[in-house]
Protein backbone atom coordinates (compact mmCIF):
# COMPACT_ATOMS: atom_id res chain seq x y z
CA MET A 1 12.63 20.70 -1.64
CA ILE A 2 11.64 17.07 -1.04
CA LYS A 3 14.28 15.11 0.85
CA LEU A 4 12.32 11.97 1.81
CA VAL A 5 9.70 9.99 -0.11
CA VAL A 6 7.71 7.38 1.80
CA PHE A 7 6.17 4.71 -0.42
CA ASP A 8 3.35 2.31 0.16
CA TRP A 9 4.18 -1.01 -1.54
CA ASN A 10 1.15 -3.05 -2.65
CA GLY A 11 -0.62 -1.48 -5.60
CA VAL A 12 1.92 1.35 -5.73
CA LEU A 13 5.34 -0.03 -6.67
CA ILE A 14 4.13 -3.54 -7.46
CA ALA A 15 1.15 -4.30 -9.71
CA ASP A 16 -0.43 -6.95 -7.50
CA THR A 17 -4.06 -5.80 -7.42
CA GLN A 18 -5.37 -8.55 -9.72
CA ALA A 19 -3.47 -11.22 -7.79
CA THR A 20 -4.99 -10.04 -4.51
CA VAL A 21 -8.50 -9.86 -5.97
CA ASP A 22 -8.14 -13.43 -7.30
CA ILE A 23 -7.02 -14.76 -3.92
CA ASP A 24 -9.74 -12.94 -1.97
CA ASN A 25 -12.27 -14.25 -4.49
CA HIS A 26 -11.04 -17.76 -3.76
CA ILE A 27 -11.79 -17.13 -0.07
CA LEU A 28 -15.24 -15.73 -0.94
CA LYS A 29 -16.14 -18.66 -3.20
CA SER A 30 -14.94 -21.21 -0.65
CA THR A 31 -17.42 -19.72 1.86
CA GLY A 32 -20.31 -19.69 -0.62
CA ARG A 33 -20.13 -15.99 -1.46
CA LYS A 34 -20.03 -14.25 -4.84
CA PRO A 35 -16.64 -13.16 -6.23
CA LEU A 36 -15.92 -9.51 -6.96
CA THR A 37 -14.78 -7.83 -10.14
CA VAL A 38 -11.72 -5.58 -9.85
CA ALA A 39 -14.01 -2.53 -10.07
CA GLN A 40 -16.21 -3.87 -7.24
CA TYR A 41 -13.14 -4.70 -5.19
CA ARG A 42 -11.80 -1.15 -5.54
CA GLU A 43 -15.11 0.20 -4.28
CA THR A 44 -15.25 -2.24 -1.34
CA PHE A 45 -11.77 -3.00 -0.04
CA THR A 46 -10.81 -1.26 3.18
CA MET A 47 -8.48 -1.43 6.14
CA PRO A 48 -8.49 -3.03 8.59
CA VAL A 49 -9.25 -6.19 6.61
CA LYS A 50 -11.93 -7.32 9.06
CA ASP A 51 -14.06 -4.33 7.99
CA PHE A 52 -13.71 -5.46 4.37
CA PHE A 53 -15.04 -8.91 5.21
CA VAL A 54 -17.88 -7.46 7.29
CA ALA A 55 -18.88 -5.37 4.25
CA LEU A 56 -19.00 -8.61 2.25
CA GLY A 57 -21.46 -10.23 4.64
CA PHE A 58 -19.22 -12.04 7.12
CA SER A 59 -20.32 -11.82 10.73
CA LYS A 60 -17.94 -10.42 13.34
CA GLU A 61 -18.04 -13.81 15.04
CA GLU A 62 -16.92 -15.53 11.82
CA ILE A 63 -14.06 -13.11 11.40
CA GLU A 64 -12.85 -13.43 14.98
CA ARG A 65 -12.99 -17.20 14.69
CA GLU A 66 -11.32 -17.49 11.28
CA ALA A 67 -9.07 -14.40 11.11
CA LYS A 68 -5.76 -16.18 11.62
CA ASN A 69 -6.65 -19.00 9.23
CA VAL A 70 -7.75 -16.54 6.53
CA GLN A 71 -4.53 -14.55 6.82
CA LYS A 72 -2.39 -17.68 6.70
CA LEU A 73 -4.31 -18.95 3.67
CA PHE A 74 -4.01 -15.60 1.91
CA HIS A 75 -0.23 -15.35 2.35
CA SER A 76 0.38 -19.00 1.50
CA VAL A 77 -1.26 -18.41 -1.90
CA TYR A 78 -0.22 -14.77 -2.42
CA GLU A 79 3.55 -15.13 -2.02
CA PRO A 80 4.04 -17.79 -4.77
CA ARG A 81 1.64 -15.90 -7.06
CA VAL A 82 3.27 -12.50 -6.62
CA ALA A 83 6.70 -13.97 -7.34
CA LYS A 84 5.92 -13.39 -11.03
CA VAL A 85 4.15 -10.03 -10.75
CA ARG A 86 5.73 -7.01 -12.43
CA THR A 87 6.35 -3.56 -10.99
CA ARG A 88 4.00 -0.75 -11.88
CA SER A 89 4.89 1.29 -14.95
CA GLY A 90 7.44 3.99 -14.18
CA ALA A 91 8.56 2.49 -10.84
CA ARG A 92 12.21 2.02 -11.70
CA GLU A 93 12.35 5.34 -13.57
CA LEU A 94 11.03 7.14 -10.50
CA LEU A 95 13.34 5.34 -8.10
CA ASP A 96 16.37 6.07 -10.31
CA PHE A 97 15.35 9.74 -10.40
CA ILE A 98 14.99 9.87 -6.60
CA GLU A 99 18.34 8.15 -6.11
CA GLY A 100 20.00 10.48 -8.63
CA ARG A 101 18.72 13.54 -6.77
CA GLY A 102 20.06 12.24 -3.45
CA ILE A 103 16.53 11.94 -2.04
CA GLU A 104 15.99 9.34 0.66
CA ALA A 105 13.28 6.70 0.07
CA MET A 106 11.50 4.44 2.56
CA ILE A 107 8.68 1.91 2.40
CA LEU A 108 5.77 1.98 4.86
CA SER A 109 3.65 -1.08 4.13
CA ASN A 110 0.93 -3.29 5.56
CA HIS A 111 2.69 -6.26 3.97
CA THR A 112 4.81 -8.75 5.92
CA LYS A 113 8.55 -8.23 6.42
CA GLU A 114 9.46 -11.60 4.90
CA GLY A 115 7.20 -11.21 1.87
CA LEU A 116 8.31 -7.65 1.10
CA GLU A 117 12.02 -8.36 1.48
CA MET A 118 11.68 -11.34 -0.85
CA GLN A 119 10.12 -9.06 -3.50
CA LEU A 120 12.72 -6.32 -3.04
CA GLU A 121 15.43 -8.93 -3.58
CA ARG A 122 13.71 -10.39 -6.67
CA LEU A 123 13.15 -6.99 -8.27
CA ARG A 124 16.58 -5.64 -7.24
CA PHE A 125 14.91 -2.75 -5.45
CA LYS A 126 16.71 -3.08 -2.11
CA LYS A 127 19.37 -0.50 -2.95
CA TYR A 128 16.77 2.26 -3.32
CA PHE A 129 15.41 2.17 0.25
CA SER A 130 17.08 3.24 3.49
CA ARG A 131 14.36 1.63 5.59
CA VAL A 132 11.43 -0.75 5.16
CA ILE A 133 8.61 -0.63 7.74
CA THR A 134 6.18 -3.55 7.57
CA ASN A 135 3.36 -5.21 9.50
CA ASP A 136 2.63 -8.52 11.14
CA MET A 137 0.29 -10.56 8.91
CA HIS A 138 -2.40 -10.65 11.61
CA ALA A 139 -2.21 -6.94 12.52
CA THR A 140 -3.82 -5.82 9.26
CA MET A 141 -6.92 -7.89 9.99
CA ALA A 142 -7.58 -6.15 13.30
CA ARG A 143 -6.51 -2.52 13.02
CA LYS A 144 -5.07 0.35 10.98
CA ASN A 145 -1.71 1.53 12.32
CA LYS A 146 0.00 3.14 9.34
CA ALA A 147 -0.77 6.68 10.54
CA ASP A 148 0.77 6.00 13.95
CA LYS A 149 3.93 4.67 12.30
CA LEU A 150 4.17 7.62 9.92
CA VAL A 151 3.70 10.19 12.68
CA ASP A 152 6.51 8.53 14.63
CA LEU A 153 8.71 8.36 11.53
CA VAL A 154 8.20 12.07 10.78
CA LYS A 155 8.81 12.99 14.42
CA ARG A 156 12.16 11.17 14.42
CA SER A 157 13.18 12.36 10.95
CA PRO A 158 15.91 15.02 10.53
CA TYR A 159 13.81 16.62 7.77
CA LYS A 160 11.16 19.31 7.98
CA LYS A 161 7.58 18.22 7.37
CA SER A 162 7.56 20.24 4.14
CA GLU A 163 10.46 18.09 2.90
CA ILE A 164 8.62 14.75 3.28
CA LEU A 165 6.10 13.19 0.92
CA ILE A 166 4.04 9.99 1.10
CA ILE A 167 2.53 8.14 -1.86
CA GLY A 168 -0.09 5.42 -1.65
CA ASP A 169 -3.02 3.86 -3.48
CA SER A 170 -5.49 4.15 -0.61
CA PRO A 171 -7.15 6.81 1.55
CA GLU A 172 -5.10 5.41 4.45
CA GLU A 173 -1.87 7.00 3.17
CA THR A 174 -3.61 10.33 2.55
CA GLU A 175 -5.10 10.27 6.06
CA ALA A 176 -1.71 9.32 7.51
CA GLY A 177 -0.01 12.13 5.58
CA LYS A 178 -2.51 14.69 6.84
CA ARG A 179 -2.09 13.53 10.42
CA ALA A 180 1.70 13.69 10.11
CA GLY A 181 1.50 17.12 8.44
CA ILE A 182 3.28 16.10 5.22
CA THR A 183 2.43 16.15 1.49
CA SER A 184 0.30 13.25 0.26
CA VAL A 185 0.06 11.77 -3.22
CA ALA A 186 -2.59 9.18 -4.19
CA ILE A 187 -2.13 6.97 -7.24
CA THR A 188 -4.99 5.31 -9.12
CA GLY A 189 -4.90 1.78 -10.55
CA GLY A 190 -4.19 0.08 -7.22
CA TYR A 191 -6.57 -1.30 -4.59
CA TYR A 192 -8.96 1.67 -4.42
CA SER A 193 -11.16 3.46 -6.92
CA GLU A 194 -10.37 6.96 -8.11
CA ARG A 195 -13.63 8.15 -6.55
CA ARG A 196 -12.55 7.01 -3.08
CA LEU A 197 -9.07 8.45 -3.49
CA ARG A 198 -10.46 11.85 -4.49
CA ALA A 199 -12.86 11.79 -1.52
CA ALA A 200 -9.86 11.54 0.84
CA GLU A 201 -8.52 14.82 -0.67
CA PRO A 202 -4.83 14.08 -1.21
CA ASP A 203 -2.55 16.97 -2.15
CA TYR A 204 -1.98 15.33 -5.53
CA LEU A 205 -3.79 12.59 -7.46
CA ILE A 206 -1.81 10.82 -10.19
CA HIS A 207 -2.37 7.96 -12.62
CA SER A 208 1.26 6.98 -13.26
CA LEU A 209 4.40 6.88 -11.12
CA SER A 210 6.27 8.93 -13.73
CA GLU A 211 4.03 11.89 -12.80
CA MET A 212 5.75 11.91 -9.41
CA ILE A 213 8.92 13.26 -10.99
CA GLY A 214 7.26 16.55 -11.92
CA ILE A 215 5.69 16.84 -8.46
CA ILE A 216 9.04 16.31 -6.70
CA LYS A 217 10.76 18.84 -8.97
CA LYS A 218 8.05 21.39 -8.21
CA LEU A 219 8.19 20.89 -4.45
């Protein structure tokens, strides 16, 4: 029986993929590079963010020099834009189901603490989560650390590994779940293509958050 569900935030509970693509395209165009379609973005985006920019033709020297400015620019544009973004279909239904079953829910995100808390307040989602684990805005540029955080979370949890599940829209959550020894669910329609999600071999691949209800009931 599942007793804890760990959620990624961006692209999973909030439908912010287009907003992020638009902002990153603004950065690309301002440096004389071609913008990406959403499909191209889903085939290219990766963590840490510096690797994404290297894949787009930025030199490592450029990234090291401009990393902090790029992150500040991104968040200064992203936060006002995302203030009007909706949740993904089925998000509230799933969270109500989890709450009704007495299942604990947490967020493990690469987003900033301030930005995520603002969105939880706006969407009235705060009540659903016992804990929200976030990142410093500059940390995501330099390294991946979600797996480390999840392993620590699972280690300190009162639940068995078989009672914990993580859901995300990237291979990072699947990799983190495998390392922590828990069930992983990947959802399409976020920041990564279905092809890349399948390649990471999650325990379950879904296209809608409402599908999670059946998975939780089964486990």
